[in-house]
N, C-alpha and C. Protein backbone atom coordinates (compact mmCIF):
# COMPACT_ATOMS: atom_id res chain seq x y z
N MET A 1 24.29 -44.25 -29.23
CA MET A 1 24.84 -44.70 -28.05
C MET A 1 26.48 -45.48 -28.91
N SER A 2 27.48 -44.78 -27.62
CA SER A 2 28.79 -45.09 -27.70
C SER A 2 29.31 -46.16 -28.35
N PHE A 3 30.38 -46.52 -29.08
CA PHE A 3 30.92 -47.68 -28.64
C PHE A 3 30.95 -48.56 -27.53
N ALA A 4 31.63 -47.92 -26.18
CA ALA A 4 31.95 -48.38 -25.06
C ALA A 4 30.35 -48.91 -24.41
N GLU A 5 29.05 -47.87 -24.64
CA GLU A 5 28.22 -48.08 -24.43
C GLU A 5 27.43 -49.78 -24.88
N THR A 6 27.74 -49.75 -25.92
CA THR A 6 27.20 -50.78 -27.33
C THR A 6 27.67 -52.01 -26.60
N LEU A 7 29.04 -51.95 -26.31
CA LEU A 7 29.85 -52.94 -26.16
C LEU A 7 29.67 -54.04 -24.79
N LYS A 8 29.18 -52.86 -24.01
CA LYS A 8 28.40 -53.48 -23.17
C LYS A 8 27.19 -54.15 -22.87
N THR A 9 26.48 -54.76 -23.93
CA THR A 9 25.20 -54.84 -24.44
C THR A 9 25.62 -56.39 -25.24
N LEU A 10 26.85 -56.38 -25.62
CA LEU A 10 26.78 -57.59 -26.33
C LEU A 10 27.38 -58.48 -25.15
N PRO A 11 27.25 -60.32 -25.86
CA PRO A 11 27.40 -61.50 -25.37
C PRO A 11 29.17 -61.23 -24.83
N GLY A 12 28.92 -61.78 -23.58
CA GLY A 12 30.08 -61.88 -23.00
C GLY A 12 31.66 -63.10 -24.12
N VAL A 13 32.60 -62.94 -24.05
CA VAL A 13 33.78 -63.64 -24.73
C VAL A 13 35.05 -64.44 -23.79
N SER A 14 34.94 -64.23 -22.79
CA SER A 14 35.85 -64.52 -22.17
C SER A 14 36.28 -66.39 -22.44
N HIS A 15 35.36 -66.89 -22.89
CA HIS A 15 35.16 -68.38 -23.56
C HIS A 15 35.93 -68.14 -24.33
N LEU A 16 36.21 -67.15 -24.80
CA LEU A 16 37.38 -67.56 -26.41
C LEU A 16 38.37 -66.51 -26.22
N SER A 17 39.67 -67.24 -26.73
CA SER A 17 40.78 -66.97 -26.95
C SER A 17 41.01 -66.13 -28.17
N ALA A 18 40.32 -66.43 -29.19
CA ALA A 18 40.38 -65.85 -30.45
C ALA A 18 39.52 -65.89 -31.73
N LEU A 19 39.16 -65.52 -32.39
CA LEU A 19 38.52 -65.77 -33.81
C LEU A 19 39.46 -65.73 -35.05
N GLN A 20 39.06 -66.47 -35.58
CA GLN A 20 39.59 -66.38 -36.83
C GLN A 20 38.84 -65.89 -38.16
N LEU A 21 39.44 -65.39 -39.18
CA LEU A 21 38.50 -65.13 -40.26
C LEU A 21 38.93 -65.90 -41.58
N LEU A 22 38.05 -66.21 -41.91
CA LEU A 22 38.50 -67.67 -42.81
C LEU A 22 37.74 -66.82 -44.63
N ASP A 23 38.55 -66.72 -45.30
CA ASP A 23 37.91 -66.46 -46.62
C ASP A 23 37.48 -67.57 -47.30
N ALA A 24 36.70 -67.38 -48.55
CA ALA A 24 36.12 -68.35 -49.43
C ALA A 24 36.77 -69.68 -49.58
N THR A 25 38.01 -69.64 -49.59
CA THR A 25 38.71 -70.65 -49.77
C THR A 25 39.31 -71.72 -48.61
N GLY A 26 38.88 -70.60 -47.56
CA GLY A 26 39.18 -71.54 -46.21
C GLY A 26 40.58 -71.10 -45.55
N GLU A 27 41.15 -69.97 -46.21
CA GLU A 27 42.68 -69.54 -46.00
C GLU A 27 41.87 -68.49 -44.31
N VAL A 28 43.04 -68.32 -43.35
CA VAL A 28 42.75 -67.49 -42.26
C VAL A 28 43.42 -66.77 -42.70
N VAL A 29 42.29 -65.47 -42.82
CA VAL A 29 42.91 -63.96 -43.39
C VAL A 29 43.29 -63.03 -42.29
N ALA A 30 42.75 -63.37 -41.32
CA ALA A 30 42.89 -62.43 -40.10
C ALA A 30 42.60 -63.20 -38.50
N THR A 31 43.24 -62.52 -37.77
CA THR A 31 43.04 -63.46 -36.48
C THR A 31 42.72 -62.32 -35.04
N ILE A 32 41.87 -62.65 -34.67
CA ILE A 32 41.23 -61.42 -33.55
C ILE A 32 41.62 -61.86 -32.29
N GLU A 33 42.67 -61.63 -31.33
CA GLU A 33 42.64 -62.09 -29.82
C GLU A 33 41.91 -61.50 -28.83
N ASN A 34 41.80 -62.48 -27.92
CA ASN A 34 40.80 -61.56 -26.48
C ASN A 34 42.09 -61.20 -26.07
N LYS A 35 42.64 -59.74 -26.45
CA LYS A 35 43.82 -59.32 -25.29
C LYS A 35 43.33 -57.59 -25.56
N PRO A 36 44.23 -56.87 -24.52
CA PRO A 36 43.61 -55.58 -24.87
C PRO A 36 44.13 -54.86 -26.37
N GLY A 37 42.86 -54.19 -26.55
CA GLY A 37 43.23 -53.66 -27.73
C GLY A 37 42.48 -54.34 -29.05
N GLN A 38 42.23 -55.72 -28.75
CA GLN A 38 41.37 -56.66 -29.78
C GLN A 38 39.75 -57.07 -29.28
N ALA A 39 39.87 -56.99 -27.63
CA ALA A 39 38.84 -57.44 -27.12
C ALA A 39 37.50 -56.87 -26.98
N GLY A 40 37.32 -55.76 -27.93
CA GLY A 40 35.83 -55.32 -28.48
C GLY A 40 35.30 -55.44 -29.35
N SER A 41 36.70 -55.66 -30.47
CA SER A 41 36.63 -56.24 -31.67
C SER A 41 35.67 -57.43 -31.71
N LEU A 42 36.84 -58.34 -30.57
CA LEU A 42 35.99 -59.62 -30.63
C LEU A 42 34.98 -59.93 -30.14
N ALA A 43 34.55 -59.33 -29.57
CA ALA A 43 33.11 -59.45 -28.86
C ALA A 43 32.25 -58.85 -30.34
N VAL A 44 32.95 -57.65 -30.72
CA VAL A 44 31.63 -57.49 -32.08
C VAL A 44 31.77 -58.26 -33.02
N TYR A 45 32.55 -58.90 -34.00
CA TYR A 45 32.81 -60.17 -34.49
C TYR A 45 32.01 -61.15 -34.22
N ASN A 46 32.43 -61.39 -32.87
CA ASN A 46 31.34 -62.91 -32.39
C ASN A 46 29.68 -62.65 -32.50
N HIS A 47 30.02 -61.56 -32.43
CA HIS A 47 28.45 -61.34 -31.63
C HIS A 47 27.56 -61.37 -33.10
N LEU A 48 28.39 -60.58 -34.29
CA LEU A 48 27.67 -61.04 -35.75
C LEU A 48 27.57 -61.94 -36.18
N ALA A 49 28.74 -62.78 -35.79
CA ALA A 49 29.20 -64.11 -36.65
C ALA A 49 28.01 -65.32 -36.11
N GLN A 50 27.34 -64.49 -35.07
CA GLN A 50 26.49 -65.78 -34.45
C GLN A 50 25.17 -64.73 -34.86
N LEU A 51 24.57 -63.92 -34.93
CA LEU A 51 23.89 -63.89 -35.62
C LEU A 51 23.29 -63.72 -36.84
N HIS A 52 24.32 -63.51 -37.90
CA HIS A 52 24.21 -63.82 -39.48
C HIS A 52 25.11 -65.52 -39.68
N GLY A 53 25.35 -65.75 -38.88
CA GLY A 53 26.75 -67.40 -39.66
C GLY A 53 27.84 -66.89 -40.00
N ALA A 54 28.44 -65.66 -40.26
CA ALA A 54 28.95 -65.32 -40.99
C ALA A 54 29.46 -63.68 -40.65
N ILE A 55 30.64 -63.35 -41.38
CA ILE A 55 30.59 -61.72 -41.54
C ILE A 55 30.13 -61.69 -42.74
N THR A 56 28.91 -61.31 -43.53
CA THR A 56 28.51 -60.85 -44.53
C THR A 56 28.63 -59.31 -44.44
N PRO A 57 28.39 -58.69 -45.58
CA PRO A 57 28.07 -57.21 -45.86
C PRO A 57 27.37 -56.64 -45.00
N ASP A 58 26.04 -57.12 -45.21
CA ASP A 58 24.94 -56.81 -43.77
C ASP A 58 25.36 -56.80 -42.61
N ALA A 59 26.25 -58.01 -42.42
CA ALA A 59 26.61 -57.99 -40.90
C ALA A 59 27.61 -57.09 -40.66
N ALA A 60 28.62 -56.38 -41.89
CA ALA A 60 29.67 -55.82 -41.48
C ALA A 60 29.38 -54.21 -41.22
N LYS A 61 27.94 -53.47 -41.96
CA LYS A 61 27.14 -52.61 -42.43
C LYS A 61 26.11 -52.58 -40.39
N GLN A 62 26.21 -53.63 -39.75
CA GLN A 62 25.62 -53.68 -38.39
C GLN A 62 26.77 -53.40 -37.39
N ALA A 63 28.10 -54.03 -37.95
CA ALA A 63 29.16 -53.70 -37.15
C ALA A 63 29.85 -52.05 -36.98
N LEU A 64 29.80 -51.66 -38.12
CA LEU A 64 29.85 -50.51 -38.55
C LEU A 64 29.30 -49.22 -37.47
N ASP A 65 27.79 -49.53 -37.45
CA ASP A 65 26.68 -49.11 -36.24
C ASP A 65 27.38 -49.05 -34.81
N ILE A 66 27.90 -50.65 -34.90
CA ILE A 66 28.03 -50.72 -32.99
C ILE A 66 29.73 -49.60 -32.93
N TYR A 67 30.06 -49.69 -33.91
CA TYR A 67 31.50 -49.40 -33.77
C TYR A 67 31.57 -48.10 -33.58
N ALA A 68 30.16 -47.41 -33.94
CA ALA A 68 29.60 -46.23 -33.88
C ALA A 68 31.03 -44.83 -34.01
N GLU A 69 31.64 -44.37 -33.22
CA GLU A 69 32.39 -42.97 -33.07
C GLU A 69 34.19 -43.64 -33.94
N HIS A 70 34.09 -44.79 -33.45
CA HIS A 70 35.55 -44.98 -33.96
C HIS A 70 35.02 -45.16 -35.23
N THR A 71 34.23 -46.01 -36.05
CA THR A 71 33.98 -45.95 -37.25
C THR A 71 33.85 -44.74 -38.05
N VAL A 72 33.97 -43.65 -37.51
CA VAL A 72 34.02 -42.30 -38.19
C VAL A 72 35.87 -41.87 -38.14
N ASP A 73 36.12 -42.15 -36.92
CA ASP A 73 37.33 -42.72 -36.91
C ASP A 73 38.52 -42.70 -38.02
N ALA A 74 37.86 -44.21 -38.54
CA ALA A 74 38.68 -45.29 -39.28
C ALA A 74 38.17 -44.74 -40.73
N ARG A 75 36.90 -43.89 -41.44
CA ARG A 75 37.06 -43.42 -42.26
C ARG A 75 37.74 -42.13 -42.55
N ALA A 76 38.14 -41.48 -41.74
CA ALA A 76 39.00 -40.41 -41.83
C ALA A 76 40.92 -40.68 -41.71
N ASN A 77 40.91 -42.04 -40.98
CA ASN A 77 42.06 -42.48 -41.31
C ASN A 77 42.40 -43.83 -41.19
N PRO A 78 42.01 -43.98 -43.06
CA PRO A 78 42.34 -45.79 -43.11
C PRO A 78 43.77 -46.19 -42.52
N GLY A 79 43.41 -47.56 -42.18
CA GLY A 79 44.54 -48.41 -41.50
C GLY A 79 44.94 -47.63 -39.92
N LYS A 80 43.92 -47.03 -39.30
CA LYS A 80 44.11 -46.67 -38.13
C LYS A 80 43.40 -48.15 -37.15
N HIS A 81 42.24 -48.45 -37.62
CA HIS A 81 41.34 -49.60 -37.05
C HIS A 81 41.57 -50.24 -37.93
N PRO A 82 41.84 -51.37 -38.48
CA PRO A 82 42.12 -52.29 -39.30
C PRO A 82 41.10 -53.58 -39.12
N ASN A 83 40.28 -53.52 -37.87
CA ASN A 83 39.01 -54.63 -37.99
C ASN A 83 37.92 -53.85 -38.45
N ILE A 84 37.76 -52.27 -38.26
CA ILE A 84 37.06 -51.39 -39.15
C ILE A 84 37.15 -51.77 -40.76
N ASP A 85 38.52 -51.08 -41.10
CA ASP A 85 38.91 -51.68 -42.76
C ASP A 85 38.57 -52.79 -43.15
N ARG A 86 38.59 -53.54 -42.37
CA ARG A 86 38.66 -54.60 -42.72
C ARG A 86 36.25 -54.92 -43.54
N LEU A 87 36.07 -54.50 -42.59
CA LEU A 87 34.56 -54.44 -42.40
C LEU A 87 34.15 -53.33 -44.08
N ILE A 88 34.82 -52.22 -44.04
CA ILE A 88 34.32 -51.51 -44.67
C ILE A 88 35.01 -52.27 -46.19
N ALA A 89 35.59 -52.81 -46.12
CA ALA A 89 36.31 -53.73 -47.93
C ALA A 89 35.16 -54.84 -48.27
N LEU A 90 34.91 -55.12 -46.99
CA LEU A 90 33.80 -56.40 -47.33
C LEU A 90 32.56 -56.01 -47.68
N ILE A 91 32.12 -55.00 -47.31
CA ILE A 91 30.65 -54.01 -47.79
C ILE A 91 30.78 -53.45 -49.47
N ASP A 92 32.23 -52.80 -49.18
CA ASP A 92 32.40 -52.52 -50.69
C ASP A 92 33.36 -53.36 -51.77
N ASN A 93 33.05 -54.73 -51.66
CA ASN A 93 33.58 -56.02 -52.29
C ASN A 93 32.68 -57.10 -52.27
N GLY A 94 31.46 -56.86 -51.52
CA GLY A 94 30.61 -57.62 -51.88
C GLY A 94 31.03 -59.40 -50.81
N GLN A 95 31.77 -59.09 -49.72
CA GLN A 95 32.93 -60.27 -49.58
C GLN A 95 31.75 -60.67 -48.67
N THR A 96 32.31 -62.39 -48.15
CA THR A 96 31.89 -62.70 -46.64
C THR A 96 33.22 -63.44 -46.20
N LEU A 97 33.40 -62.99 -44.75
CA LEU A 97 34.14 -64.36 -43.96
C LEU A 97 33.55 -64.78 -43.65
N ARG A 98 33.88 -66.82 -43.18
CA ARG A 98 33.40 -67.49 -42.44
C ARG A 98 34.31 -66.87 -41.16
N VAL A 99 33.41 -67.57 -40.13
CA VAL A 99 34.29 -67.17 -38.33
C VAL A 99 34.48 -68.18 -38.16
N LYS A 100 35.98 -69.06 -37.34
CA LYS A 100 36.17 -69.83 -36.63
C LYS A 100 36.65 -69.38 -35.14
N GLN A 101 35.37 -69.90 -34.01
CA GLN A 101 35.88 -69.54 -32.23
C GLN A 101 37.39 -70.42 -32.10
N VAL A 102 37.94 -69.76 -31.22
CA VAL A 102 39.19 -70.48 -30.70
C VAL A 102 39.13 -70.53 -29.21
N PHE A 103 38.04 -71.72 -28.23
CA PHE A 103 37.84 -71.35 -27.26
C PHE A 103 39.19 -71.11 -26.21
N ALA A 104 38.89 -70.55 -25.45
CA ALA A 104 40.15 -70.61 -24.51
C ALA A 104 40.51 -71.71 -23.62
N GLN A 105 41.70 -71.74 -22.96
CA GLN A 105 41.77 -73.21 -22.24
C GLN A 105 40.94 -72.80 -20.81
N PRO A 106 40.55 -74.42 -20.40
CA PRO A 106 40.09 -73.97 -19.47
C PRO A 106 41.39 -74.06 -17.92
């Protein structure tokens, strides 16, 4: 299944303005915003954080499957897909990122 097809099956994220990704010390290492170009990653990271409680190496492996054709492109072109590159690094380094939801204002 393509990324676009899989994305339609993930829970909605209209209630979020962003996700903050925190390292083991609680430092924000990245923010994924709910805006064009990042909304798909927001949905993927949010879904996996709900399933796994954080972005663990196992969650990252699942995310790479969800990203489908974009994972192939990211491996061939490091730096082109930073949200996928981050997942690959988590797997390679055995690291986990905690996720903090930033809710949209009503």
